Protein backbone atom coordinates (compact mmCIF):
# COMPACT_ATOMS: atom_id res chain seq x y z
CA MET A 1 126.04 89.81 81.99
CA LYS A 2 127.22 91.28 78.69
CA PHE A 3 128.68 94.70 77.90
CA GLU A 4 127.19 95.31 74.47
CA LEU A 5 125.64 98.31 72.80
CA LYS A 6 122.14 97.26 71.88
CA PRO A 7 120.12 99.39 69.45
CA THR A 8 117.74 100.32 72.24
CA THR A 9 120.66 101.34 74.44
CA MET A 10 122.15 103.54 71.75
CA ARG A 11 118.79 105.14 70.95
CA ALA A 12 118.16 106.00 74.60
CA GLY A 13 121.70 107.35 74.97
CA VAL A 14 121.46 109.57 71.89
CA ILE A 15 118.12 111.02 72.96
CA GLY A 16 119.46 111.70 76.46
CA GLY A 17 122.55 113.35 75.01
CA VAL A 18 120.46 115.61 72.77
CA VAL A 19 118.41 116.71 75.79
CA GLY A 20 121.57 117.45 77.76
CA ALA A 21 123.12 119.39 74.89
CA THR A 22 119.96 121.43 74.50
CA MET A 23 120.11 122.42 78.16
CA SER A 24 123.73 123.46 77.68
CA LEU A 25 122.72 125.73 74.83
CA VAL A 26 119.95 127.25 76.93
CA ASN A 27 122.44 128.05 79.69
CA LEU A 28 124.45 130.23 77.29
CA ILE A 29 121.60 132.73 77.00
CA PRO A 30 122.41 135.33 79.69
CA LEU A 31 119.02 136.05 81.20
CA LEU A 32 117.36 132.73 80.44
CA GLY A 33 120.35 130.78 81.70
CA CYS A 34 120.18 132.52 85.08
CA LEU A 35 116.45 131.92 85.41
CA LEU A 36 116.64 128.26 84.44
CA ALA A 37 119.75 127.40 86.45
CA PRO A 38 117.85 125.32 89.09
CA VAL A 39 115.91 123.57 86.33
CA SER A 40 119.16 122.79 84.51
CA VAL A 41 120.63 121.20 87.63
CA CYS A 42 117.56 118.99 88.12
CA VAL A 43 117.51 118.02 84.45
CA GLY A 44 121.21 117.20 84.58
CA LEU A 45 120.53 114.76 87.42
CA LEU A 46 117.40 113.24 85.91
CA VAL A 47 118.58 112.81 82.30
CA PRO A 48 120.96 109.85 82.94
CA ILE A 49 118.43 108.18 85.25
CA ALA A 50 115.67 108.53 82.67
CA THR A 51 118.06 107.40 79.93
CA GLY A 52 118.84 104.17 81.77
CA ALA A 53 115.18 103.53 82.52
CA PHE A 54 114.10 104.04 78.89
CA SER A 55 116.94 101.84 77.70
CA VAL A 56 115.60 98.91 79.73
CA LYS A 57 111.99 99.71 78.82
CA TRP A 58 112.68 99.72 75.09
CA ALA A 59 114.76 96.56 75.45
CA ARG A 60 111.74 94.83 77.04
CA GLN A 61 109.55 95.98 74.18
CA ALA A 62 112.10 94.60 71.71
CA GLY A 63 111.93 91.16 73.32
CA SER A 64 114.77 91.25 75.85
CA PRO A 65 114.21 88.71 78.67
CA ALA A 66 113.34 90.04 82.10
CA GLY A 67 114.66 88.94 85.47
CA ASN A 68 118.38 89.80 85.05
CA LEU A 69 118.83 92.85 87.24
CA ALA A 70 122.60 93.06 86.70
CA GLN A 71 122.20 93.11 82.91
CA ASP A 72 119.55 95.83 83.18
CA ALA A 73 121.91 97.92 85.29
CA VAL A 74 124.70 97.46 82.72
CA ASP A 75 122.43 98.47 79.83
CA GLY A 76 121.25 101.54 81.73
CA GLY A 77 124.82 102.48 82.60
CA LEU A 78 125.95 102.21 78.97
CA ALA A 79 123.05 104.39 77.86
CA GLY A 80 123.94 106.94 80.54
CA ILE A 81 127.56 106.99 79.36
CA ILE A 82 126.50 107.66 75.77
CA ALA A 83 124.18 110.46 76.85
CA GLY A 84 126.85 111.99 79.07
CA LEU A 85 129.51 111.88 76.34
CA ILE A 86 127.25 113.55 73.79
CA ALA A 87 126.15 116.25 76.21
CA GLY A 88 129.72 116.72 77.47
CA ILE A 89 131.23 117.08 74.00
CA ALA A 90 128.53 119.56 73.01
CA SER A 91 129.07 121.60 76.17
CA LEU A 92 132.83 121.54 75.67
CA LEU A 93 132.61 122.71 72.05
CA ILE A 94 130.24 125.48 73.01
CA GLY A 95 132.59 126.59 75.79
CA VAL A 96 135.60 126.54 73.46
CA LEU A 97 133.85 128.66 70.85
CA ARG A 98 132.78 131.11 73.49
CA ALA A 99 136.30 131.32 74.95
CA ALA A 100 137.87 131.73 71.49
CA PHE A 101 135.49 134.57 70.71
CA GLN A 102 136.39 136.35 73.94
CA ILE A 103 140.14 135.87 73.37
CA GLY A 104 139.90 137.24 69.85
CA VAL A 105 138.00 140.28 71.03
CA GLU A 106 139.82 141.12 74.26
CA SER A 107 143.40 139.98 73.65
CA GLY A 108 145.73 141.58 71.17
CA ASP A 109 148.23 138.70 71.19
CA ALA A 110 146.46 135.92 69.29
CA THR A 111 149.32 133.42 69.73
CA ARG A 112 149.34 133.61 73.50
CA GLY A 113 145.56 133.34 73.56
CA ALA A 114 145.65 130.27 71.30
CA VAL A 115 148.17 128.52 73.57
CA ALA A 116 146.10 129.24 76.65
CA LEU A 117 143.01 128.03 74.86
CA GLY A 118 144.70 124.79 73.80
CA ILE A 119 145.89 124.01 77.32
CA GLY A 120 142.50 124.79 78.80
CA LEU A 121 140.81 122.69 76.13
CA LEU A 122 142.99 119.67 76.88
CA ILE A 123 142.50 119.86 80.64
CA GLY A 124 138.79 120.51 80.31
CA LEU A 125 138.38 117.64 77.86
CA VAL A 126 140.04 115.12 80.18
CA VAL A 127 138.21 116.27 83.30
CA THR A 128 134.86 116.51 81.52
CA MET A 129 135.06 113.11 79.86
CA VAL A 130 136.09 111.31 83.04
CA GLY A 131 133.49 113.02 85.18
CA ILE A 132 130.66 112.59 82.70
CA THR A 133 131.55 108.95 82.10
CA VAL A 134 131.43 108.10 85.80
CA PHE A 135 128.34 110.23 86.40
CA GLY A 136 126.43 108.80 83.45
CA ALA A 137 127.39 105.23 84.24
CA VAL A 138 126.31 105.42 87.89
CA PHE A 139 123.03 107.24 87.40
CA GLY A 140 122.18 105.33 84.22
CA ALA A 141 122.68 102.04 86.07
CA VAL A 142 120.45 103.32 88.87
CA GLY A 143 117.74 104.18 86.35
CA GLY A 144 117.95 100.83 84.57
CA ALA A 145 117.94 98.77 87.75
CA GLY A 146 115.18 100.89 89.27
CA TYR A 147 112.91 100.41 86.27
CA ALA A 148 113.56 96.66 86.27
CA MET A 149 112.71 96.37 89.97
CA TYR A 150 109.55 98.42 89.46
CA LYS A 151 108.36 96.12 86.67
CA GLN A 152 109.17 93.02 88.73
CA ASN A 153 107.15 94.29 91.67
CA GLN A 154 104.29 95.26 89.36
CA SER A 155 104.18 91.85 87.68
CA GLY A 156 104.46 90.04 91.02
CA ALA A 157 101.54 92.01 92.44
CA SER A 158 99.39 91.21 89.41
CA LEU A 159 100.09 87.45 89.73
CA MET A 160 99.08 87.21 93.40
CA PRO A 161 95.69 85.46 93.93
CA PRO A 162 92.96 87.58 95.45
CA MET A 163 92.48 87.15 99.17
CA SER A 164 89.27 85.33 100.06
CA THR A 165 87.22 86.66 102.93
CA PRO A 166 85.99 84.12 105.50
CA PRO A 167 82.25 83.50 105.56
CA SER A 168 80.39 85.62 108.03
CA THR A 169 78.86 83.88 111.05
CA MET A 170 76.59 86.73 111.95
CA PRO A 171 72.89 86.03 111.75
CA PRO A 172 70.97 87.70 108.95
CA SER A 173 69.88 91.20 109.70
CA GLY A 174 66.28 92.29 109.84
CA PRO A 175 64.70 95.18 107.99
CA MET A 176 65.96 97.75 110.54
CA GLY A 177 69.54 96.53 110.49
CA MET A 178 69.15 94.58 113.76
CA ALA A 179 70.11 90.96 114.08
CA GLN A 180 67.17 88.69 113.33
CA SER A 181 66.84 85.71 115.68
CA THR A 182 65.18 82.47 114.65
CA PRO A 183 61.87 81.77 116.48
CA PRO A 184 61.85 78.85 118.97
CA PRO A 185 60.16 75.61 117.86
CA PRO A 186 56.53 75.11 118.96
CA PRO A 187 55.90 72.87 122.05
CA PRO A 188 54.87 69.27 121.37
CA MET A 189 51.16 68.42 121.40
CA THR A 190 50.10 66.28 124.43
CA PRO A 191 46.89 64.18 124.38
CA PRO A 192 44.21 65.04 126.98
CA SER A 193 44.47 63.06 130.23
CA GLY A 194 40.64 62.72 130.98
CA PRO A 195 38.24 60.07 129.55
CA MET A 196 37.34 60.40 126.00
CA ASP A 197 33.92 61.98 125.41
CA THR A 198 31.37 59.38 124.20
CA PRO A 199 28.50 60.40 122.08
CA PRO A 200 25.16 60.58 123.99
CA SER A 201 23.05 57.46 123.71
CA ASN A 202 19.24 57.51 123.24
CA PRO A 203 17.34 56.49 126.46
CA PRO A 204 15.27 53.25 126.18
CA SER A 205 11.73 53.86 125.23
CA SER A 206 9.21 52.95 127.90
CA GLY A 207 5.88 51.17 127.28
CA PRO A 208 2.46 52.83 127.38
CA VAL A 209 1.37 54.00 130.73
CA ALA A 210 -1.47 51.95 132.15
């Protein structure tokens, strides 16, 4: 089991991070963000799982050997971490810009607002990075291991020999669907018990009558 960033792992992580960052941008729109809040929650849960699954899938297509479930889970977890970090950094930057805009508009003391923003940025950065790292690693590993198990079950089912059905002992059916029985054998021929018929013999010819 190796902890290495494969090209397929990085590609899956970057794509997952872009999807997560896009959802963060959508949530900033007031009306659209409220309407798509349940969708955003579901996408946030599914993105690291899908990222881990695609990481293992693309690794298989690139020639990675199958059968190592622990390595697949590690690759999926690394892809989930990359996706979570990209999405988390994008969300954090968007939140900082939004908070800075509100401080500049509402607060007259720019220095106090900058200090509060810096403290909030530091705390939010630490909490966000730790939470996203753990979240992405766990759900990415679940996605990678789940895809590997699915492919193992699929390949095992395709290699199983087809089940042979035992030969039927039922007699052949007749034209109406009823069982057709074989006719009994004919009785043996017995010779007649009486004397054999002899052909009629000609009576002896008598002489002339005197």
